[in-house]
Amino acid sequence: MEGYAVLMLVFAGCPFLYAGLLAKTKSIRLLPRSDAVKVKNKEQYAENAAKMIALAALAPLASALVARIADAALPALLVFAGGLVLLLWLGTRLLKGGGTSN
């Protein structure tokens, strides 16, 4: 399970770096299909998108920690799947709240 833990840490680290870059620059041009979104406040939208990406990256991080502690595949995969669903749901609620026009 050590290989799985390392792989999940890499999968968590890449989105964290991207979210940090997005939060630092506050540019929606770093987002794919940013031209398709009608945005009132571009900086706030970029910050909220960075928060959503960072939230989604917490799922593989938690899965890596569980895999390292439990040394079993099933608990790690359950934490990954459940955490991804929960954190993406929270992230979309966050993203809906700031910067978009309806």
N, C-alpha and C. Protein backbone atom coordinates (compact mmCIF):
# COMPACT_ATOMS: atom_id res chain seq x y z
N MET A 1 0.81 -1.20 0.00
CA MET A 1 0.00 0.00 0.00
C MET A 1 0.86 1.26 0.00
N GLU A 2 2.16 1.10 0.15
CA GLU A 2 3.01 2.29 0.15
C GLU A 2 3.03 2.95 -1.23
N GLY A 3 3.00 2.14 -2.29
CA GLY A 3 2.96 2.69 -3.64
C GLY A 3 1.68 3.48 -3.88
N TYR A 4 0.57 2.96 -3.39
CA TYR A 4 -0.70 3.67 -3.52
C TYR A 4 -0.66 5.00 -2.77
N ALA A 5 -0.09 4.99 -1.58
CA ALA A 5 -0.01 6.21 -0.78
C ALA A 5 0.83 7.27 -1.49
N VAL A 6 1.95 6.87 -2.07
CA VAL A 6 2.80 7.82 -2.78
C VAL A 6 2.08 8.35 -4.01
N LEU A 7 1.41 7.47 -4.74
CA LEU A 7 0.66 7.90 -5.92
C LEU A 7 -0.44 8.88 -5.58
N MET A 8 -1.16 8.63 -4.50
CA MET A 8 -2.21 9.54 -4.07
C MET A 8 -1.64 10.87 -3.59
N LEU A 9 -0.47 10.85 -2.97
CA LEU A 9 0.16 12.11 -2.58
C LEU A 9 0.53 12.95 -3.80
N VAL A 10 0.99 12.29 -4.86
CA VAL A 10 1.29 13.01 -6.10
C VAL A 10 -0.01 13.55 -6.70
N PHE A 11 -1.06 12.72 -6.72
CA PHE A 11 -2.34 13.18 -7.26
C PHE A 11 -2.95 14.31 -6.42
N ALA A 12 -2.63 14.38 -5.16
CA ALA A 12 -3.11 15.47 -4.31
C ALA A 12 -2.24 16.71 -4.48
N GLY A 13 -0.96 16.52 -4.67
CA GLY A 13 -0.04 17.64 -4.76
C GLY A 13 -0.21 18.48 -6.01
N CYS A 14 -0.48 17.84 -7.14
CA CYS A 14 -0.64 18.58 -8.40
C CYS A 14 -1.82 19.55 -8.35
N PRO A 15 -3.02 19.13 -7.93
CA PRO A 15 -4.11 20.10 -7.83
C PRO A 15 -3.86 21.18 -6.78
N PHE A 16 -3.16 20.85 -5.69
CA PHE A 16 -2.83 21.87 -4.70
C PHE A 16 -1.92 22.95 -5.31
N LEU A 17 -0.95 22.53 -6.11
CA LEU A 17 -0.08 23.50 -6.79
C LEU A 17 -0.88 24.37 -7.76
N TYR A 18 -1.76 23.74 -8.52
CA TYR A 18 -2.61 24.47 -9.47
C TYR A 18 -3.53 25.45 -8.75
N ALA A 19 -4.12 25.02 -7.64
CA ALA A 19 -5.00 25.90 -6.87
C ALA A 19 -4.21 27.07 -6.29
N GLY A 20 -3.02 26.81 -5.84
CA GLY A 20 -2.18 27.88 -5.32
C GLY A 20 -1.81 28.89 -6.39
N LEU A 21 -1.48 28.42 -7.57
CA LEU A 21 -1.17 29.31 -8.69
C LEU A 21 -2.39 30.13 -9.08
N LEU A 22 -3.55 29.48 -9.11
CA LEU A 22 -4.79 30.16 -9.46
C LEU A 22 -5.15 31.21 -8.42
N ALA A 23 -4.99 30.89 -7.14
CA ALA A 23 -5.30 31.84 -6.08
C ALA A 23 -4.31 33.01 -6.07
N LYS A 24 -3.06 32.73 -6.40
CA LYS A 24 -2.04 33.79 -6.40
C LYS A 24 -2.26 34.77 -7.55
N THR A 25 -2.55 34.26 -8.75
CA THR A 25 -2.70 35.14 -9.92
C THR A 25 -4.10 35.74 -10.02
N LYS A 26 -5.10 35.04 -9.49
CA LYS A 26 -6.50 35.47 -9.55
C LYS A 26 -6.94 35.76 -10.99
N SER A 27 -6.51 34.91 -11.89
CA SER A 27 -6.83 35.06 -13.31
C SER A 27 -7.69 33.89 -13.76
N ILE A 28 -8.87 34.20 -14.29
CA ILE A 28 -9.72 33.11 -14.76
C ILE A 28 -9.23 32.55 -16.09
N ARG A 29 -8.23 33.18 -16.68
CA ARG A 29 -7.65 32.65 -17.92
C ARG A 29 -6.93 31.33 -17.69
N LEU A 30 -6.58 31.04 -16.44
CA LEU A 30 -5.95 29.76 -16.11
C LEU A 30 -6.96 28.63 -16.02
N LEU A 31 -8.24 28.97 -16.02
CA LEU A 31 -9.29 27.96 -15.96
C LEU A 31 -9.70 27.53 -17.36
N PRO A 32 -9.89 26.24 -17.59
CA PRO A 32 -10.38 25.81 -18.90
C PRO A 32 -11.79 26.32 -19.13
N ARG A 33 -12.08 26.72 -20.31
CA ARG A 33 -13.41 27.20 -20.73
C ARG A 33 -13.86 28.41 -19.92
N SER A 34 -12.92 29.24 -19.50
CA SER A 34 -13.29 30.43 -18.73
C SER A 34 -14.04 31.44 -19.59
N ASP A 35 -13.88 31.36 -20.91
CA ASP A 35 -14.60 32.28 -21.79
C ASP A 35 -16.08 31.93 -21.89
N ALA A 36 -16.46 30.72 -21.49
CA ALA A 36 -17.86 30.30 -21.59
C ALA A 36 -18.67 30.70 -20.36
N VAL A 37 -18.02 31.22 -19.33
CA VAL A 37 -18.69 31.55 -18.08
C VAL A 37 -18.88 33.06 -18.00
N LYS A 38 -20.11 33.47 -17.74
CA LYS A 38 -20.37 34.89 -17.52
C LYS A 38 -20.04 35.19 -16.06
N VAL A 39 -19.09 36.08 -15.85
CA VAL A 39 -18.58 36.33 -14.51
C VAL A 39 -18.72 37.81 -14.17
N LYS A 40 -19.27 38.08 -12.99
CA LYS A 40 -19.35 39.46 -12.50
C LYS A 40 -18.00 39.90 -11.94
N ASN A 41 -17.48 39.14 -11.02
CA ASN A 41 -16.23 39.47 -10.35
C ASN A 41 -15.21 38.36 -10.67
N LYS A 42 -14.31 38.65 -11.58
CA LYS A 42 -13.37 37.63 -12.06
C LYS A 42 -12.40 37.17 -10.97
N GLU A 43 -11.94 38.08 -10.14
CA GLU A 43 -10.99 37.71 -9.10
C GLU A 43 -11.64 36.80 -8.06
N GLN A 44 -12.87 37.14 -7.67
CA GLN A 44 -13.58 36.31 -6.69
C GLN A 44 -13.88 34.93 -7.26
N TYR A 45 -14.24 34.87 -8.53
CA TYR A 45 -14.51 33.59 -9.18
C TYR A 45 -13.26 32.73 -9.21
N ALA A 46 -12.11 33.34 -9.52
CA ALA A 46 -10.84 32.60 -9.56
C ALA A 46 -10.47 32.09 -8.17
N GLU A 47 -10.69 32.90 -7.14
CA GLU A 47 -10.42 32.46 -5.77
C GLU A 47 -11.32 31.31 -5.37
N ASN A 48 -12.60 31.40 -5.71
CA ASN A 48 -13.53 30.32 -5.37
C ASN A 48 -13.20 29.04 -6.13
N ALA A 49 -12.79 29.18 -7.38
CA ALA A 49 -12.39 27.99 -8.15
C ALA A 49 -11.14 27.36 -7.53
N ALA A 50 -10.21 28.19 -7.07
CA ALA A 50 -9.00 27.66 -6.41
C ALA A 50 -9.37 26.92 -5.13
N LYS A 51 -10.32 27.45 -4.38
CA LYS A 51 -10.77 26.77 -3.16
C LYS A 51 -11.43 25.44 -3.50
N MET A 52 -12.22 25.41 -4.57
CA MET A 52 -12.88 24.17 -4.97
C MET A 52 -11.85 23.11 -5.39
N ILE A 53 -10.84 23.53 -6.13
CA ILE A 53 -9.80 22.60 -6.56
C ILE A 53 -9.02 22.07 -5.36
N ALA A 54 -8.72 22.96 -4.42
CA ALA A 54 -8.01 22.53 -3.21
C ALA A 54 -8.87 21.58 -2.38
N LEU A 55 -10.17 21.84 -2.32
CA LEU A 55 -11.06 20.92 -1.60
C LEU A 55 -11.07 19.54 -2.25
N ALA A 56 -11.14 19.52 -3.58
CA ALA A 56 -11.15 18.24 -4.29
C ALA A 56 -9.84 17.49 -4.09
N ALA A 57 -8.74 18.21 -3.89
CA ALA A 57 -7.44 17.56 -3.69
C ALA A 57 -7.30 16.97 -2.29
N LEU A 58 -8.20 17.32 -1.38
CA LEU A 58 -8.14 16.75 -0.05
C LEU A 58 -8.53 15.27 -0.04
N ALA A 59 -9.35 14.83 -1.00
CA ALA A 59 -9.78 13.44 -1.04
C ALA A 59 -8.61 12.47 -1.27
N PRO A 60 -7.77 12.69 -2.29
CA PRO A 60 -6.64 11.77 -2.42
C PRO A 60 -5.63 11.89 -1.28
N LEU A 61 -5.52 13.08 -0.69
CA LEU A 61 -4.63 13.23 0.46
C LEU A 61 -5.11 12.41 1.65
N ALA A 62 -6.40 12.47 1.93
CA ALA A 62 -6.97 11.67 3.02
C ALA A 62 -6.85 10.18 2.72
N SER A 63 -7.05 9.81 1.47
CA SER A 63 -6.92 8.41 1.08
C SER A 63 -5.50 7.91 1.27
N ALA A 64 -4.52 8.74 0.95
CA ALA A 64 -3.12 8.36 1.14
C ALA A 64 -2.81 8.16 2.62
N LEU A 65 -3.35 9.04 3.46
CA LEU A 65 -3.11 8.90 4.90
C LEU A 65 -3.75 7.62 5.45
N VAL A 66 -4.98 7.32 5.00
CA VAL A 66 -5.65 6.10 5.45
C VAL A 66 -4.91 4.87 4.94
N ALA A 67 -4.45 4.90 3.71
CA ALA A 67 -3.70 3.77 3.17
C ALA A 67 -2.40 3.55 3.94
N ARG A 68 -1.79 4.62 4.35
CA ARG A 68 -0.54 4.52 5.10
C ARG A 68 -0.78 3.99 6.51
N ILE A 69 -1.88 4.42 7.13
CA ILE A 69 -2.18 4.00 8.50
C ILE A 69 -2.76 2.60 8.54
N ALA A 70 -3.80 2.35 7.71
CA ALA A 70 -4.52 1.08 7.77
C ALA A 70 -3.81 -0.04 7.01
N ASP A 71 -3.01 0.31 6.01
CA ASP A 71 -2.32 -0.66 5.16
C ASP A 71 -3.31 -1.65 4.54
N ALA A 72 -4.47 -1.12 4.13
CA ALA A 72 -5.49 -1.94 3.46
C ALA A 72 -6.11 -1.11 2.34
N ALA A 73 -6.52 -1.80 1.28
CA ALA A 73 -7.03 -1.10 0.10
C ALA A 73 -8.46 -0.60 0.27
N LEU A 74 -9.33 -1.40 0.84
CA LEU A 74 -10.75 -1.03 0.90
C LEU A 74 -11.01 0.24 1.69
N PRO A 75 -10.48 0.41 2.89
CA PRO A 75 -10.73 1.67 3.59
C PRO A 75 -10.18 2.89 2.83
N ALA A 76 -9.03 2.73 2.21
CA ALA A 76 -8.44 3.85 1.47
C ALA A 76 -9.30 4.23 0.27
N LEU A 77 -9.81 3.24 -0.45
CA LEU A 77 -10.66 3.52 -1.60
C LEU A 77 -12.01 4.10 -1.18
N LEU A 78 -12.55 3.64 -0.07
CA LEU A 78 -13.81 4.20 0.43
C LEU A 78 -13.63 5.66 0.86
N VAL A 79 -12.54 5.96 1.50
CA VAL A 79 -12.26 7.35 1.89
C VAL A 79 -12.08 8.21 0.65
N PHE A 80 -11.39 7.69 -0.36
CA PHE A 80 -11.19 8.45 -1.60
C PHE A 80 -12.51 8.74 -2.29
N ALA A 81 -13.34 7.71 -2.50
CA ALA A 81 -14.60 7.90 -3.22
C ALA A 81 -15.56 8.78 -2.42
N GLY A 82 -15.74 8.47 -1.16
CA GLY A 82 -16.65 9.27 -0.34
C GLY A 82 -16.17 10.69 -0.16
N GLY A 83 -14.88 10.86 0.05
CA GLY A 83 -14.33 12.20 0.22
C GLY A 83 -14.43 13.02 -1.05
N LEU A 84 -14.21 12.40 -2.19
CA LEU A 84 -14.32 13.12 -3.46
C LEU A 84 -15.73 13.61 -3.70
N VAL A 85 -16.71 12.75 -3.45
CA VAL A 85 -18.11 13.15 -3.63
C VAL A 85 -18.47 14.29 -2.68
N LEU A 86 -18.14 14.14 -1.42
CA LEU A 86 -18.47 15.15 -0.42
C LEU A 86 -17.77 16.48 -0.70
N LEU A 87 -16.48 16.43 -0.98
CA LEU A 87 -15.73 17.66 -1.17
C LEU A 87 -16.07 18.35 -2.48
N LEU A 88 -16.38 17.60 -3.53
CA LEU A 88 -16.83 18.24 -4.77
C LEU A 88 -18.21 18.88 -4.59
N TRP A 89 -19.07 18.25 -3.81
CA TRP A 89 -20.37 18.85 -3.52
C TRP A 89 -20.19 20.17 -2.77
N LEU A 90 -19.32 20.16 -1.75
CA LEU A 90 -19.06 21.40 -1.02
C LEU A 90 -18.43 22.45 -1.93
N GLY A 91 -17.53 22.03 -2.80
CA GLY A 91 -16.87 22.97 -3.71
C GLY A 91 -17.82 23.59 -4.71
N THR A 92 -18.74 22.82 -5.24
CA THR A 92 -19.69 23.39 -6.20
C THR A 92 -20.64 24.37 -5.51
N ARG A 93 -20.99 24.10 -4.27
CA ARG A 93 -21.81 25.06 -3.51
C ARG A 93 -21.02 26.35 -3.30
N LEU A 94 -19.74 26.24 -3.05
CA LEU A 94 -18.89 27.40 -2.88
C LEU A 94 -18.78 28.18 -4.18
N LEU A 95 -18.60 27.47 -5.28
CA LEU A 95 -18.41 28.12 -6.58
C LEU A 95 -19.69 28.82 -7.04
N LYS A 96 -20.84 28.24 -6.75
CA LYS A 96 -22.11 28.87 -7.13
C LYS A 96 -22.32 30.17 -6.40
N GLY A 97 -21.78 30.29 -5.21
CA GLY A 97 -22.02 31.45 -4.37
C GLY A 97 -21.28 32.71 -4.80
N GLY A 98 -20.19 32.61 -5.54
CA GLY A 98 -19.42 33.81 -5.77
C GLY A 98 -19.04 34.04 -7.22
N GLY A 99 -19.45 35.19 -7.74
CA GLY A 99 -18.91 35.66 -9.00
C GLY A 99 -19.67 35.32 -10.26
N THR A 100 -20.59 34.39 -10.24
CA THR A 100 -21.28 34.05 -11.48
C THR A 100 -22.59 34.79 -11.57
N SER A 101 -23.03 35.04 -12.78
CA SER A 101 -24.32 35.67 -12.96
C SER A 101 -25.31 34.66 -13.49
N ASN A 102 -26.52 34.75 -13.05
CA ASN A 102 -27.55 33.78 -13.46
C ASN A 102 -28.46 34.35 -14.48
